[in-house]
Protein backbone atom coordinates (compact mmCIF):
# COMPACT_ATOMS: atom_id res chain seq x y z
CA UNK A 1 162.70 29.07 147.79
CA UNK A 2 162.35 30.90 144.46
CA UNK A 3 159.13 32.66 143.50
CA UNK A 4 158.37 34.07 140.07
CA UNK A 5 155.37 36.38 139.97
CA UNK A 6 153.87 37.35 136.59
CA UNK A 7 157.24 37.37 134.81
CA UNK A 8 157.35 38.44 131.16
CA UNK A 9 160.23 38.96 128.74
CA UNK A 10 160.15 40.21 125.17
CA UNK A 11 163.05 40.39 122.76
CA UNK A 12 163.31 42.97 119.99
CA UNK A 13 162.11 41.77 116.59
CA UNK A 14 160.19 38.77 117.98
CA UNK A 15 156.40 38.94 117.81
CA UNK A 16 155.48 36.91 120.87
CA UNK A 17 157.04 37.12 124.36
CA UNK A 18 159.84 34.66 125.20
CA UNK A 19 158.21 34.34 128.64
CA UNK A 20 154.60 35.38 129.09
CA UNK A 21 153.10 36.15 132.53
CA UNK A 22 154.80 33.21 134.25
CA UNK A 23 154.13 32.56 137.94
CA UNK A 24 155.56 29.58 139.81
CA UNK A 25 157.35 28.50 142.97
CA UNK A 26 160.57 26.45 143.13
CA UNK A 27 160.72 24.59 146.43
CA UNK A 28 163.80 24.74 148.61
CA UNK A 29 166.03 21.65 148.40
CA UNK A 30 164.13 20.23 145.40
CA UNK A 31 164.90 19.75 141.71
CA UNK A 32 162.45 21.65 139.51
CA UNK A 33 162.83 20.70 135.85
CA UNK A 34 161.75 23.10 133.10
CA UNK A 35 160.82 21.07 130.03
CA UNK A 36 159.36 21.88 126.64
CA UNK A 37 160.23 22.38 122.97
CA UNK A 38 162.97 24.71 121.73
CA UNK A 39 162.03 28.36 122.09
CA UNK A 40 159.52 27.83 124.89
CA UNK A 41 161.40 30.14 127.31
CA UNK A 42 163.30 27.63 129.47
CA UNK A 43 166.75 29.21 129.24
CA UNK A 44 165.36 32.75 129.44
CA UNK A 45 163.77 31.87 132.79
CA UNK A 46 167.11 30.68 134.19
CA UNK A 47 168.88 33.77 132.92
CA UNK A 48 166.29 35.99 134.61
CA UNK A 49 166.78 34.19 137.92
CA UNK A 50 170.47 35.15 137.96
CA UNK A 51 169.82 38.48 136.19
CA UNK A 52 171.80 37.81 133.05
CA UNK A 53 168.50 38.86 131.48
CA UNK A 54 166.17 41.39 133.12
CA UNK A 55 162.40 40.77 133.04
CA UNK A 56 160.19 43.38 131.40
CA UNK A 57 157.41 42.71 133.89
CA UNK A 58 156.97 40.91 137.18
CA UNK A 59 159.07 40.16 140.23
CA UNK A 60 161.43 37.37 141.30
CA UNK A 61 161.97 36.57 144.98
CA UNK A 62 164.64 34.35 146.54
CA UNK A 63 163.88 33.52 150.17
CA UNK A 64 161.50 36.48 150.25
CA UNK A 65 164.01 39.01 148.85
CA UNK A 66 163.33 40.85 145.61
CA UNK A 67 166.37 40.03 143.46
CA UNK A 68 165.70 43.02 141.20
CA UNK A 69 166.81 45.18 144.13
CA UNK A 70 170.07 43.23 144.60
CA UNK A 71 173.52 43.79 143.10
CA UNK A 72 173.68 41.40 140.08
CA UNK A 73 177.35 40.29 140.47
CA UNK A 74 176.83 39.60 144.17
CA UNK A 75 173.62 37.71 143.42
CA UNK A 76 175.41 35.51 140.86
CA UNK A 77 178.08 34.54 143.38
CA UNK A 78 175.34 32.88 145.45
CA UNK A 79 173.99 30.93 142.47
CA UNK A 80 175.78 28.07 140.71
CA UNK A 81 175.33 28.03 136.92
CA UNK A 82 176.03 24.99 134.72
CA UNK A 83 175.55 25.14 130.95
CA UNK A 84 175.84 22.68 128.08
CA UNK A 85 179.07 24.28 126.83
CA UNK A 86 181.03 23.87 130.04
CA UNK A 87 183.31 26.84 129.37
CA UNK A 88 186.37 25.68 131.32
CA UNK A 89 189.35 28.02 131.02
CA UNK A 90 191.86 26.12 128.83
CA UNK A 91 194.99 27.69 130.37
CA UNK A 92 194.03 26.74 133.94
CA UNK A 93 194.16 23.30 135.53
CA UNK A 94 191.00 21.53 136.67
CA UNK A 95 191.73 22.47 140.27
CA UNK A 96 192.24 26.11 139.27
CA UNK A 97 189.00 26.12 137.27
CA UNK A 98 187.00 24.83 140.24
CA UNK A 99 188.58 27.36 142.59
CA UNK A 100 187.60 30.44 140.53
CA UNK A 101 184.63 31.61 142.63
CA UNK A 102 186.20 30.84 146.04
CA UNK A 103 189.17 32.98 144.95
CA UNK A 104 186.82 35.82 143.98
CA UNK A 105 185.19 35.52 147.40
CA UNK A 106 188.58 35.74 149.11
CA UNK A 107 188.60 32.28 150.66
CA UNK A 108 191.83 31.23 152.42
CA UNK A 109 194.04 29.07 150.20
CA UNK A 110 193.79 25.99 152.44
CA UNK A 111 189.98 26.17 152.57
CA UNK A 112 189.81 26.49 148.78
CA UNK A 113 192.18 23.57 148.20
CA UNK A 114 190.20 21.39 150.61
CA UNK A 115 186.94 22.27 148.84
CA UNK A 116 188.40 21.47 145.41
CA UNK A 117 189.50 18.01 146.55
CA UNK A 118 186.15 17.37 148.23
CA UNK A 119 184.21 18.28 145.08
CA UNK A 120 186.40 16.19 142.80
CA UNK A 121 185.82 13.19 145.05
CA UNK A 122 182.08 13.88 145.20
CA UNK A 123 181.76 14.03 141.41
CA UNK A 124 183.75 10.84 140.87
CA UNK A 125 187.03 12.44 139.74
CA UNK A 126 189.92 11.35 142.00
CA UNK A 127 191.91 14.52 142.90
CA UNK A 128 195.29 12.83 142.53
CA UNK A 129 194.41 12.05 138.90
CA UNK A 130 192.41 15.09 137.81
CA UNK A 131 193.34 18.15 139.88
CA UNK A 132 196.47 18.93 137.80
CA UNK A 133 195.02 18.05 134.40
CA UNK A 134 193.95 20.62 131.82
CA UNK A 135 190.52 20.74 130.10
CA UNK A 136 191.82 19.36 126.80
CA UNK A 137 192.79 16.16 128.62
CA UNK A 138 189.19 15.41 129.70
CA UNK A 139 186.38 13.49 128.01
CA UNK A 140 183.03 15.22 127.51
CA UNK A 141 181.52 13.51 130.53
CA UNK A 142 184.49 14.40 132.73
CA UNK A 143 184.32 18.04 131.63
CA UNK A 144 180.62 18.16 132.55
CA UNK A 145 181.43 16.84 136.02
CA UNK A 146 184.05 19.56 136.43
CA UNK A 147 181.42 22.09 135.39
CA UNK A 148 179.11 20.84 138.13
CA UNK A 149 181.97 20.86 140.66
CA UNK A 150 182.89 24.45 139.72
CA UNK A 151 179.27 25.56 140.16
CA UNK A 152 179.23 23.95 143.64
CA UNK A 153 182.58 25.37 144.73
CA UNK A 154 181.27 28.29 146.79
CA UNK A 155 178.50 26.08 148.24
CA UNK A 156 175.66 28.12 146.67
CA UNK A 157 172.14 27.44 147.93
CA UNK A 158 170.78 27.56 144.37
CA UNK A 159 171.92 25.78 141.19
CA UNK A 160 170.82 26.67 137.67
CA UNK A 161 171.52 23.91 135.14
CA UNK A 162 170.85 24.51 131.43
CA UNK A 163 170.90 21.22 129.45
CA UNK A 164 174.12 20.22 131.26
CA UNK A 165 174.23 16.65 129.89
CA UNK A 166 172.93 17.22 126.36
CA UNK A 167 176.34 17.25 124.65
CA UNK A 168 177.44 13.74 125.71
CA UNK A 169 176.47 10.35 124.32
CA UNK A 170 173.41 8.52 125.77
CA UNK A 171 175.30 6.02 127.93
CA UNK A 172 177.50 8.68 129.56
CA UNK A 173 174.44 10.90 129.91
CA UNK A 174 172.60 8.22 131.93
CA UNK A 175 175.66 7.79 134.15
CA UNK A 176 175.91 11.56 134.71
CA UNK A 177 172.23 11.68 135.64
CA UNK A 178 172.76 8.90 138.19
CA UNK A 179 175.82 10.66 139.65
CA UNK A 180 173.95 13.96 139.78
CA UNK A 181 171.09 12.40 141.73
CA UNK A 182 173.55 10.68 144.06
CA UNK A 183 175.28 13.99 144.80
CA UNK A 184 171.94 15.79 145.30
CA UNK A 185 170.99 13.27 148.01
CA UNK A 186 173.88 14.68 150.05
CA UNK A 187 173.85 18.39 149.18
CA UNK A 188 170.08 19.06 148.85
CA UNK A 189 170.43 22.22 146.75
CA UNK A 190 167.52 24.13 145.26
CA UNK A 191 167.96 23.30 141.58
CA UNK A 192 166.36 24.67 138.41
CA UNK A 193 167.19 22.22 135.62
CA UNK A 194 166.42 22.85 131.93
CA UNK A 195 165.97 20.03 129.43
CA UNK A 196 163.99 19.29 126.26
CA UNK A 197 164.12 15.54 127.05
CA UNK A 198 160.98 14.42 128.89
CA UNK A 199 162.60 11.14 129.99
CA UNK A 200 165.46 13.07 131.63
CA UNK A 201 162.94 15.42 133.25
CA UNK A 202 160.95 12.53 134.70
CA UNK A 203 164.06 10.80 136.00
CA UNK A 204 165.64 13.85 137.60
CA UNK A 205 162.79 16.10 138.66
CA UNK A 206 161.00 16.32 141.97
CA UNK A 207 158.73 18.81 140.22
CA UNK A 208 158.14 19.35 136.49
CA UNK A 209 157.32 22.69 134.86
CA UNK A 210 156.01 22.17 131.32
CA UNK A 211 156.25 25.19 129.04
CA UNK A 212 155.12 26.07 125.54
CA UNK A 213 155.51 29.38 123.72
CA UNK A 214 156.59 31.13 126.90
CA UNK A 215 153.59 30.03 128.93
CA UNK A 216 153.17 27.57 131.79
CA UNK A 217 151.12 24.63 130.51
CA UNK A 218 151.22 22.31 133.54
CA UNK A 219 153.28 21.78 136.69
CA UNK A 220 153.38 18.99 139.23
CA UNK A 221 155.27 15.89 140.30
CA UNK A 222 156.30 13.48 137.54
CA UNK A 223 153.67 10.94 138.60
CA UNK A 224 150.94 13.62 138.64
CA UNK A 225 151.78 14.74 135.11
CA UNK A 226 152.16 11.21 133.77
CA UNK A 227 148.83 10.08 135.17
CA UNK A 228 146.85 13.30 134.57
CA UNK A 229 148.22 15.28 131.59
CA UNK A 230 146.30 18.56 131.38
CA UNK A 231 145.86 18.68 127.59
CA UNK A 232 146.87 17.18 124.24
CA UNK A 233 150.17 19.10 124.19
CA UNK A 234 151.29 17.52 127.48
CA UNK A 235 150.10 14.08 126.35
CA UNK A 236 152.10 14.45 123.13
CA UNK A 237 155.19 15.61 125.03
CA UNK A 238 154.99 12.63 127.39
CA UNK A 239 154.63 10.20 124.50
CA UNK A 240 152.73 6.96 124.01
CA UNK A 241 154.81 5.02 126.56
CA UNK A 242 153.29 6.65 129.64
CA UNK A 243 152.85 3.26 131.29
CA UNK A 244 156.54 2.45 130.91
CA UNK A 245 157.59 5.84 132.29
CA UNK A 246 155.26 5.39 135.27
CA UNK A 247 156.81 2.00 136.04
CA UNK A 248 160.20 3.69 136.19
CA UNK A 249 158.89 5.89 139.00
CA UNK A 250 157.12 3.29 141.17
CA UNK A 251 159.10 1.10 143.56
CA UNK A 252 158.45 -2.64 143.76
CA UNK A 253 157.39 -2.30 147.40
CA UNK A 254 154.60 0.02 146.28
CA UNK A 255 152.81 -2.71 144.30
CA UNK A 256 153.80 -5.90 146.11
CA UNK A 257 151.39 -8.05 148.10
CA UNK A 258 152.93 -8.29 151.61
CA UNK A 259 150.37 -10.96 152.59
CA UNK A 260 151.25 -13.41 149.79
CA UNK A 261 152.72 -16.76 150.97
CA UNK A 262 156.52 -16.81 150.63
CA UNK A 263 157.34 -20.32 151.85
CA UNK A 264 157.30 -22.15 148.52
CA UNK A 265 158.78 -19.33 146.47
CA UNK A 266 162.03 -20.12 144.57
CA UNK A 267 165.18 -18.97 146.37
CA UNK A 268 167.31 -18.19 143.30
CA UNK A 269 168.32 -14.53 142.79
CA UNK A 270 166.71 -14.46 139.34
CA UNK A 271 163.30 -14.58 140.98
CA UNK A 272 164.02 -11.82 143.50
CA UNK A 273 164.05 -8.04 143.34
CA UNK A 274 164.82 -5.36 145.89
CA UNK A 275 161.98 -3.32 147.41
CA UNK A 276 163.50 0.00 146.24
CA UNK A 277 163.96 -1.13 142.62
CA UNK A 278 161.60 0.35 139.99
CA UNK A 279 158.73 -1.91 138.94
CA UNK A 280 160.15 -1.86 135.43
CA UNK A 281 163.17 -3.83 136.70
CA UNK A 282 160.82 -6.46 138.14
CA UNK A 283 159.07 -6.79 134.78
CA UNK A 284 162.42 -7.37 133.12
CA UNK A 285 163.14 -10.16 135.63
CA UNK A 286 159.75 -11.73 134.92
CA UNK A 287 160.33 -11.76 131.17
CA UNK A 288 163.87 -13.08 131.52
CA UNK A 289 162.76 -15.94 133.80
CA UNK A 290 159.42 -16.59 132.09
CA UNK A 291 157.45 -16.11 135.29
CA UNK A 292 154.48 -14.03 136.40
CA UNK A 293 155.76 -13.33 139.91
CA UNK A 294 158.92 -12.21 141.72
CA UNK A 295 159.77 -12.06 145.40
CA UNK A 296 160.36 -8.57 146.78
CA UNK A 297 163.11 -8.31 149.40
CA UNK A 298 164.43 -5.70 151.77
CA UNK A 299 168.14 -6.50 151.71
CA UNK A 300 168.03 -10.32 152.25
CA UNK A 301 164.63 -10.49 153.95
CA UNK A 302 161.50 -11.44 151.92
CA UNK A 303 158.85 -8.72 152.11
CA UNK A 304 156.15 -9.73 149.62
CA UNK A 305 155.25 -10.92 146.13
CA UNK A 306 154.94 -8.73 143.06
CA UNK A 307 152.83 -10.21 140.27
CA UNK A 308 152.20 -9.33 136.64
CA UNK A 309 148.46 -9.16 137.37
CA UNK A 310 149.09 -6.65 140.15
CA UNK A 311 151.20 -4.45 137.87
CA UNK A 312 148.65 -4.63 135.05
CA UNK A 313 145.80 -3.73 137.40
CA UNK A 314 147.74 -0.68 138.59
CA UNK A 315 148.49 0.51 135.05
CA UNK A 316 144.84 0.12 134.08
CA UNK A 317 143.71 1.98 137.18
CA UNK A 318 145.97 5.02 136.73
CA UNK A 319 145.36 5.15 133.00
CA UNK A 320 141.60 5.15 133.54
CA UNK A 321 141.15 1.98 131.48
CA UNK A 322 138.84 -0.91 132.26
CA UNK A 323 140.51 -3.98 133.70
């Protein structure tokens, strides 16, 4: 767990603080996403957590230990750091880039080699194809995956990720987000993730931290912030498509009617959705098949009916509108 208590940072020649009296808690094993406009203090917060930047005021604790009393290089070896500009060493192979921190820590060669292969597999880069390649031979998306693998090499409990997917095109970015979430299901790291993209924040975050001009504006789960924005700034950041974003977060099983009769329902796959799919996917099926209902299944077993009226009623309810 990471705790920031009344953290402030000012830079010379800048009138207002980059970070102003910030207090928050990052839960262990969760993804906390820092989101807000450029210059709101997101990157400065990350750099204070690994002491690349020292706070002017306040205290930072990791698992109850004051990091300002720790040796900075030793602290950084326990924290993975992924940035937008991946920074792979061009004269070293991919395997050698990933093994940098284990080598610094004095790991045995066999243990390091095993970890490199494991991480390449985990991030979707077959070792037999990528371990001996050099950075110039990689696409942007592949290089970002290597950056994530390198940050994970020493198995750090904490990961700091500063706009790691911002430099790749939208389709690859979505794929990297999916891969990142898949990997996190297995490794369960404590992750601080910076982005200016609210859609990415909602998709990735267990907890959102919304910042503006160095101050904390609102924090909470994505669904809490989408349904109860604290002020006009948060509402503007979320955008006018709150309902659509909410439907990306809710599973079909959450809105289905488990008591609805299933006997006469069509058996074709176009009229069926999986219980764990987002409600938005069910809406797409309804529009494609010109129907107001779909059957919700768990694997191959029918579990209930999801209707357009049920979805609309839910949107109206959480948006505070009259049905």
